Amino acid sequence: MQQSWFKIDNADRVASPALLVYPDRVEENIRRMISIAGGVERLRPHMKTHKLAEVIRLQMAHGIRKFKCATIAEAEMVAGGNAPDVLLAYQLVGPNVRRLLQLVQKFPNTKFSTIADDADAIHAFSKAFTEAGKTLDVMLDIDSGMHRCGVAPGPVALELYRLIAGAPGLKPGGLHVYDGHLHESDLSARTTACEAAFAPVAAFRQQLVEAGLPVPAVVAGGTPTFPIHARRPDVECSPGTTVFWDFGYSTILPDLDFAPAVVLLTRVISRPEQNRLCLDLGHKAVASENPHPRVKVFGLEDATPVGHSEEHLVLETDRAADFPVGSPLYGLPWHVCPTVALHNEAVVVRNGRAEERWQIVARARTLTI
């Protein structure tokens, strides 16, 4: 990574805090994703990281046709970009079932699918789509050890899969398996844990096939286990953070070679003490669900965060005198996905200059549906 690749010549034209995106680096990350997967047909990238129509277009320009989303708004944005295949990987309940039906009706050229792990949810999908004369592919959400959502492989899972297969208005879409609890830094340890977690899933898939039930696809993993699942010829991989990368994954996943493609522009707004800098990078500008460091400020990597509130980030450093009030600084967020969701727009940087702005459309909960 070349020195100071993140700096922009016309920073004086960009108000801070701002989210900067570098399309050339985004495209390089897309190419690396395709290389690891062994082809675009193996990829179903999660778009929760970027939430940008322009990034969907870049991925489609590289041949990617299948996408994974978490919200109705995300799915609508992707379908609005003429994506042919959209998986909404979040069990929808209440009015969101009707909203998914409206998506299907509004975008007939996009194949929508979703996930479920509960009989009542499956019945709700069946009722809504049968009454509308539509058919929905539903994947069974499998819990492979994260214990957040899903059902463990076994008799209950088999019963639920049979329910999907026999429910009017539904088709069994296969299995969805997210192993977000696996993020060991050592690739060997992560691989061992991933193989152990996936073995019951593979056995369950075989059980379904032997029972005469169709299993069209298995969507497995996120970013940390992406290179491991990519070795399986019969799964679709769903990395998300890889498109932008961040300080967190670059720290804990050294085996994954992706380029940081998003940076935060911030400025010194105060020097309250001789060894302190206050930046305009509060909770509203950088994701704050993790402990510090929540951002790596280039050139101040050794600074100690001593205060963080809605609009302010206070750093302690012996070099505070080197940064007058108004000085622009650049930082790499620890967790880029929720950081992006805090910003209305991304400032696009090409050839060292801020050129245009992309609206982060899918950060909204509702677009038109």
Foldseek 3Di string as FASTA:
>chain_A
DDPPPPFFPVCVVPDPFAKAFEVVQLLVLLVLLQVLLVHLVQAAAEALLQLFLVSLVSNVVVPHQHYEYAALLSQLSNLVSVRAEYEHEYQDDDCVLVSVVVSCVVRVNHAYEYEDADPVSLQSNLVNQVVVVAAHEYEFEEELDPPPDGHHQDDSSVVVQVCQCPRHRYHHAAYEYEDVVQQALDPVVSLVSVCNSCVSVVVSRVVCVVVVHDHNAYEYYEPRCSSNCSPDPGHRYYYYCSSAPFPQCVVRHVVDDGDHGMKTKWFFADDPDQFKTKIQCACLQFPDPDDPPQKQKPPPNVWDFDDHHHGITMTGGNCVVVGDGGRMIMITGSRSSVNSLSDQWHFYDDPSHRDDITGSRSSDNDDPD
